[in-house]
């Protein structure tokens, strides 16, 4: 599967955090998140391994008992079922891979 860059297709499930699935296969899904300064990703967990990379901005990511001050170029991997959250310190862009594929992130009709 190949996808061209587009400004279309972002979903807002949490205020200040817009998510878009970029591409997916049978085992992984790549998503982009555009986050607004002051937004909060509430504590949650899920049955997906989540590997991320901060493209721009500044976020404070908590995973389990650890807290990370993330700057552009930083990356992380959150194991399945580990509770995590994030405070968005400035407008930020993140890309993340989820495995297995998140059915709830699949574009309509896929």
N, C-alpha and C. Protein backbone atom coordinates (compact mmCIF):
# COMPACT_ATOMS: atom_id res chain seq x y z
N UNK A 1 0.84 -1.17 0.00
CA UNK A 1 0.00 0.00 0.00
C UNK A 1 0.89 1.24 0.00
N UNK A 2 0.51 2.22 -0.77
CA UNK A 2 1.25 3.48 -0.87
C UNK A 2 0.25 4.62 -0.77
N UNK A 3 0.60 5.65 -0.02
CA UNK A 3 -0.31 6.78 0.16
C UNK A 3 0.45 8.08 -0.06
N UNK A 4 -0.11 8.98 -0.83
CA UNK A 4 0.47 10.31 -1.04
C UNK A 4 0.05 11.24 0.09
N UNK A 5 0.88 12.21 0.39
CA UNK A 5 0.59 13.21 1.42
C UNK A 5 -0.68 13.97 1.06
N UNK A 6 -1.52 14.20 2.06
CA UNK A 6 -2.78 14.92 1.87
C UNK A 6 -3.15 15.60 3.18
N UNK A 7 -3.78 16.75 3.08
CA UNK A 7 -4.25 17.45 4.27
C UNK A 7 -5.63 16.97 4.69
N UNK A 8 -6.20 16.05 3.93
CA UNK A 8 -7.53 15.50 4.20
C UNK A 8 -7.43 14.28 5.12
N UNK A 9 -8.55 13.95 5.77
CA UNK A 9 -8.65 12.69 6.48
C UNK A 9 -8.32 12.69 7.96
N UNK A 10 -8.09 13.83 8.57
CA UNK A 10 -7.79 13.88 10.00
C UNK A 10 -9.08 13.76 10.81
N UNK A 11 -9.02 13.02 11.91
CA UNK A 11 -10.15 12.87 12.82
C UNK A 11 -9.77 13.44 14.17
N UNK A 12 -10.73 14.08 14.82
CA UNK A 12 -10.51 14.64 16.16
C UNK A 12 -11.30 13.81 17.16
N UNK A 13 -10.62 12.90 17.81
CA UNK A 13 -11.26 12.05 18.83
C UNK A 13 -11.09 12.64 20.22
N UNK A 14 -10.03 13.46 20.37
CA UNK A 14 -9.73 14.12 21.64
C UNK A 14 -9.48 15.58 21.31
N UNK A 15 -10.07 16.52 22.07
CA UNK A 15 -9.85 17.95 21.77
C UNK A 15 -8.36 18.29 21.68
N UNK A 16 -7.99 18.94 20.58
CA UNK A 16 -6.61 19.37 20.39
C UNK A 16 -5.68 18.32 19.82
N UNK A 17 -6.21 17.11 19.55
CA UNK A 17 -5.39 16.04 18.99
C UNK A 17 -6.10 15.48 17.76
N UNK A 18 -5.51 15.71 16.59
CA UNK A 18 -6.07 15.21 15.33
C UNK A 18 -5.24 14.03 14.86
N UNK A 19 -5.91 12.94 14.48
CA UNK A 19 -5.25 11.70 14.09
C UNK A 19 -5.62 11.34 12.67
N UNK A 20 -4.63 10.84 11.93
CA UNK A 20 -4.86 10.38 10.56
C UNK A 20 -4.05 9.10 10.33
N UNK A 21 -4.70 8.08 9.82
CA UNK A 21 -3.98 6.88 9.41
C UNK A 21 -3.31 7.18 8.08
N UNK A 22 -2.01 6.99 8.03
CA UNK A 22 -1.24 7.26 6.81
C UNK A 22 -1.24 6.05 5.89
N UNK A 23 -0.95 4.88 6.46
CA UNK A 23 -0.88 3.65 5.68
C UNK A 23 -0.97 2.47 6.66
N UNK A 24 -1.40 1.33 6.17
CA UNK A 24 -1.45 0.14 7.02
C UNK A 24 -1.25 -1.10 6.18
N UNK A 25 -0.83 -2.16 6.85
CA UNK A 25 -0.68 -3.46 6.22
C UNK A 25 -1.44 -4.48 7.04
N UNK A 26 -1.02 -5.73 6.96
CA UNK A 26 -1.69 -6.79 7.72
C UNK A 26 -1.31 -6.78 9.20
N UNK A 27 -0.11 -6.30 9.52
CA UNK A 27 0.38 -6.38 10.90
C UNK A 27 0.68 -5.04 11.56
N UNK A 28 0.80 -3.97 10.77
CA UNK A 28 1.12 -2.66 11.35
C UNK A 28 0.26 -1.56 10.74
N UNK A 29 0.17 -0.47 11.49
CA UNK A 29 -0.57 0.72 11.04
C UNK A 29 0.26 1.94 11.41
N UNK A 30 0.43 2.87 10.47
CA UNK A 30 1.19 4.10 10.69
C UNK A 30 0.21 5.27 10.75
N UNK A 31 0.28 6.03 11.84
CA UNK A 31 -0.63 7.17 12.03
C UNK A 31 0.16 8.43 12.33
N UNK A 32 -0.42 9.56 11.93
CA UNK A 32 0.15 10.87 12.25
C UNK A 32 -0.80 11.58 13.21
N UNK A 33 -0.22 12.25 14.18
CA UNK A 33 -1.00 13.03 15.14
C UNK A 33 -0.53 14.47 15.10
N UNK A 34 -1.46 15.39 14.91
CA UNK A 34 -1.18 16.82 15.00
C UNK A 34 -1.83 17.30 16.30
N UNK A 35 -1.00 17.83 17.20
CA UNK A 35 -1.46 18.15 18.54
C UNK A 35 -1.23 19.62 18.86
N UNK A 36 -2.21 20.20 19.51
CA UNK A 36 -2.19 21.61 19.84
C UNK A 36 -1.67 21.83 21.26
N UNK A 37 -0.85 22.85 21.44
CA UNK A 37 -0.33 23.21 22.76
C UNK A 37 -1.47 23.26 23.77
N UNK A 38 -1.26 22.63 24.92
CA UNK A 38 -2.25 22.62 25.99
C UNK A 38 -3.17 21.41 25.96
N UNK A 39 -3.17 20.65 24.87
CA UNK A 39 -4.01 19.44 24.80
C UNK A 39 -3.45 18.38 25.76
N UNK A 40 -4.33 17.48 26.17
CA UNK A 40 -3.93 16.40 27.07
C UNK A 40 -4.45 15.08 26.51
N UNK A 41 -3.56 14.13 26.38
CA UNK A 41 -3.95 12.77 26.05
C UNK A 41 -4.16 12.07 27.39
N UNK A 42 -5.41 11.74 27.74
CA UNK A 42 -5.69 11.15 29.05
C UNK A 42 -5.04 9.78 29.21
N UNK A 43 -4.83 9.37 30.47
CA UNK A 43 -4.29 8.05 30.75
C UNK A 43 -5.19 6.99 30.13
N UNK A 44 -4.55 6.04 29.46
CA UNK A 44 -5.28 4.93 28.85
C UNK A 44 -4.30 3.80 28.55
N UNK A 45 -4.83 2.66 28.22
CA UNK A 45 -4.01 1.53 27.75
C UNK A 45 -4.80 0.81 26.67
N UNK A 46 -4.09 0.00 25.89
CA UNK A 46 -4.73 -0.73 24.81
C UNK A 46 -3.87 -1.94 24.44
N UNK A 47 -4.47 -2.90 23.71
CA UNK A 47 -3.73 -4.12 23.36
C UNK A 47 -2.88 -3.97 22.11
N UNK A 48 -2.20 -2.82 21.97
CA UNK A 48 -1.35 -2.56 20.81
C UNK A 48 0.01 -2.10 21.29
N UNK A 49 1.08 -2.61 20.68
CA UNK A 49 2.40 -2.03 20.89
C UNK A 49 2.42 -0.74 20.08
N UNK A 50 2.99 0.31 20.66
CA UNK A 50 2.94 1.66 20.06
C UNK A 50 4.36 2.22 20.03
N UNK A 51 4.88 2.43 18.82
CA UNK A 51 6.21 2.98 18.64
C UNK A 51 6.07 4.34 17.99
N UNK A 52 6.67 5.38 18.60
CA UNK A 52 6.46 6.73 18.11
C UNK A 52 7.74 7.52 17.91
N UNK A 53 7.59 8.61 17.16
CA UNK A 53 8.68 9.52 16.83
C UNK A 53 8.13 10.95 16.81
N UNK A 54 8.75 11.83 17.59
CA UNK A 54 8.32 13.24 17.62
C UNK A 54 9.00 14.00 16.49
N UNK A 55 8.20 14.43 15.53
CA UNK A 55 8.73 15.17 14.38
C UNK A 55 9.01 16.62 14.76
N UNK A 56 8.03 17.24 15.42
CA UNK A 56 8.21 18.64 15.81
C UNK A 56 7.42 18.90 17.09
N UNK A 57 7.83 19.93 17.82
CA UNK A 57 7.12 20.33 19.03
C UNK A 57 7.78 19.84 20.30
N UNK A 58 6.95 19.66 21.33
CA UNK A 58 7.43 19.29 22.66
C UNK A 58 6.26 18.64 23.39
N UNK A 59 6.45 17.40 23.83
CA UNK A 59 5.44 16.72 24.63
C UNK A 59 6.10 16.10 25.85
N UNK A 60 5.31 15.90 26.89
CA UNK A 60 5.75 15.15 28.06
C UNK A 60 4.90 13.88 28.08
N UNK A 61 5.58 12.76 27.89
CA UNK A 61 4.93 11.46 27.75
C UNK A 61 5.16 10.65 29.02
N UNK A 62 4.08 10.12 29.58
CA UNK A 62 4.18 9.23 30.74
C UNK A 62 3.77 7.84 30.27
N UNK A 63 4.57 6.83 30.62
CA UNK A 63 4.27 5.44 30.28
C UNK A 63 4.64 4.58 31.48
N UNK A 64 3.65 3.92 32.04
CA UNK A 64 3.90 3.17 33.27
C UNK A 64 4.30 4.15 34.36
N UNK A 65 5.45 3.91 34.98
CA UNK A 65 5.93 4.81 36.04
C UNK A 65 6.98 5.80 35.54
N UNK A 66 7.27 5.75 34.24
CA UNK A 66 8.30 6.63 33.65
C UNK A 66 7.68 7.87 33.01
N UNK A 67 8.40 8.97 33.06
CA UNK A 67 7.99 10.22 32.41
C UNK A 67 9.14 10.67 31.52
N UNK A 68 8.80 11.02 30.26
CA UNK A 68 9.80 11.42 29.28
C UNK A 68 9.49 12.82 28.76
N UNK A 69 10.49 13.68 28.77
CA UNK A 69 10.39 15.01 28.18
C UNK A 69 10.86 14.89 26.74
N UNK A 70 9.92 14.83 25.80
CA UNK A 70 10.24 14.52 24.41
C UNK A 70 10.39 15.76 23.57
N UNK A 71 11.47 15.79 22.81
CA UNK A 71 11.80 16.88 21.88
C UNK A 71 11.94 16.29 20.48
N UNK A 72 11.93 17.12 19.44
CA UNK A 72 12.03 16.60 18.08
C UNK A 72 13.22 15.64 17.91
N UNK A 73 12.92 14.51 17.28
CA UNK A 73 13.92 13.47 17.07
C UNK A 73 13.88 12.37 18.11
N UNK A 74 13.14 12.59 19.22
CA UNK A 74 13.02 11.55 20.25
C UNK A 74 12.01 10.51 19.82
N UNK A 75 12.19 9.29 20.30
CA UNK A 75 11.29 8.20 19.96
C UNK A 75 11.02 7.33 21.18
N UNK A 76 10.01 6.46 21.08
CA UNK A 76 9.59 5.63 22.20
C UNK A 76 8.90 4.38 21.69
N UNK A 77 8.80 3.40 22.56
CA UNK A 77 8.01 2.21 22.30
C UNK A 77 7.27 1.88 23.59
N UNK A 78 5.95 1.85 23.51
CA UNK A 78 5.11 1.56 24.66
C UNK A 78 4.55 0.16 24.47
N UNK A 79 4.86 -0.76 25.39
CA UNK A 79 4.36 -2.13 25.24
C UNK A 79 2.83 -2.20 25.34
N UNK A 80 2.28 -3.29 24.87
CA UNK A 80 0.84 -3.53 24.97
C UNK A 80 0.38 -3.42 26.42
N UNK A 81 -0.79 -2.84 26.61
CA UNK A 81 -1.49 -2.78 27.89
C UNK A 81 -0.80 -1.95 28.97
N UNK A 82 0.20 -1.15 28.62
CA UNK A 82 0.84 -0.25 29.58
C UNK A 82 0.10 1.08 29.56
N UNK A 83 -0.32 1.54 30.74
CA UNK A 83 -1.04 2.81 30.83
C UNK A 83 -0.10 3.95 30.46
N UNK A 84 -0.60 4.88 29.64
CA UNK A 84 0.22 6.02 29.21
C UNK A 84 -0.65 7.24 28.97
N UNK A 85 0.01 8.41 28.96
CA UNK A 85 -0.68 9.70 28.76
C UNK A 85 0.35 10.70 28.24
N UNK A 86 -0.14 11.86 27.80
CA UNK A 86 0.79 12.89 27.32
C UNK A 86 0.22 14.28 27.56
N UNK A 87 1.10 15.20 27.90
CA UNK A 87 0.78 16.63 27.97
C UNK A 87 1.48 17.29 26.79
N UNK A 88 0.72 18.07 26.03
CA UNK A 88 1.27 18.70 24.83
C UNK A 88 1.74 20.10 25.22
N UNK A 89 3.05 20.29 25.25
CA UNK A 89 3.67 21.52 25.75
C UNK A 89 3.72 22.62 24.69
N UNK A 90 3.78 22.22 23.41
CA UNK A 90 3.70 23.16 22.28
C UNK A 90 3.13 22.41 21.08
N UNK A 91 2.67 23.13 20.09
CA UNK A 91 2.13 22.46 18.90
C UNK A 91 3.13 21.40 18.45
N UNK A 92 2.64 20.18 18.20
CA UNK A 92 3.53 19.05 17.94
C UNK A 92 2.97 18.15 16.85
N UNK A 93 3.88 17.45 16.18
CA UNK A 93 3.52 16.43 15.20
C UNK A 93 4.27 15.15 15.56
N UNK A 94 3.51 14.05 15.64
CA UNK A 94 4.05 12.74 16.00
C UNK A 94 3.61 11.74 14.95
N UNK A 95 4.48 10.79 14.62
CA UNK A 95 4.06 9.62 13.85
C UNK A 95 4.26 8.40 14.74
N UNK A 96 3.29 7.48 14.65
CA UNK A 96 3.35 6.28 15.48
C UNK A 96 2.93 5.06 14.68
N UNK A 97 3.56 3.94 15.02
CA UNK A 97 3.22 2.64 14.44
C UNK A 97 2.52 1.83 15.53
N UNK A 98 1.41 1.20 15.15
CA UNK A 98 0.68 0.33 16.06
C UNK A 98 0.70 -1.08 15.51
N UNK A 99 0.92 -2.04 16.42
CA UNK A 99 0.88 -3.45 16.04
C UNK A 99 0.24 -4.23 17.19
N UNK A 100 -0.73 -5.09 16.91
CA UNK A 100 -1.33 -5.31 15.60
C UNK A 100 -2.09 -4.09 15.12
N UNK A 101 -2.64 -4.17 13.91
CA UNK A 101 -3.38 -3.06 13.31
C UNK A 101 -4.56 -2.68 14.20
N UNK A 102 -4.71 -1.37 14.42
CA UNK A 102 -5.86 -0.86 15.17
C UNK A 102 -7.06 -0.78 14.23
N UNK A 103 -8.02 -1.63 14.44
CA UNK A 103 -9.22 -1.63 13.60
C UNK A 103 -9.94 -0.28 13.70
N UNK A 104 -9.91 0.34 14.89
CA UNK A 104 -10.61 1.62 15.08
C UNK A 104 -9.93 2.78 14.35
N UNK A 105 -8.72 2.58 13.86
CA UNK A 105 -8.01 3.61 13.11
C UNK A 105 -8.06 3.38 11.59
N UNK A 106 -8.65 2.28 11.16
CA UNK A 106 -8.73 2.03 9.72
C UNK A 106 -9.67 3.02 9.05
N UNK A 107 -9.27 3.54 7.90
CA UNK A 107 -10.17 4.45 7.15
C UNK A 107 -11.47 3.72 6.80
N UNK A 108 -12.55 4.47 6.70
CA UNK A 108 -13.85 3.89 6.37
C UNK A 108 -13.75 3.07 5.09
N UNK A 109 -14.35 1.89 5.11
CA UNK A 109 -14.37 1.05 3.92
C UNK A 109 -13.13 0.21 3.71
N UNK A 110 -12.20 0.19 4.66
CA UNK A 110 -10.95 -0.58 4.48
C UNK A 110 -10.99 -1.90 5.23
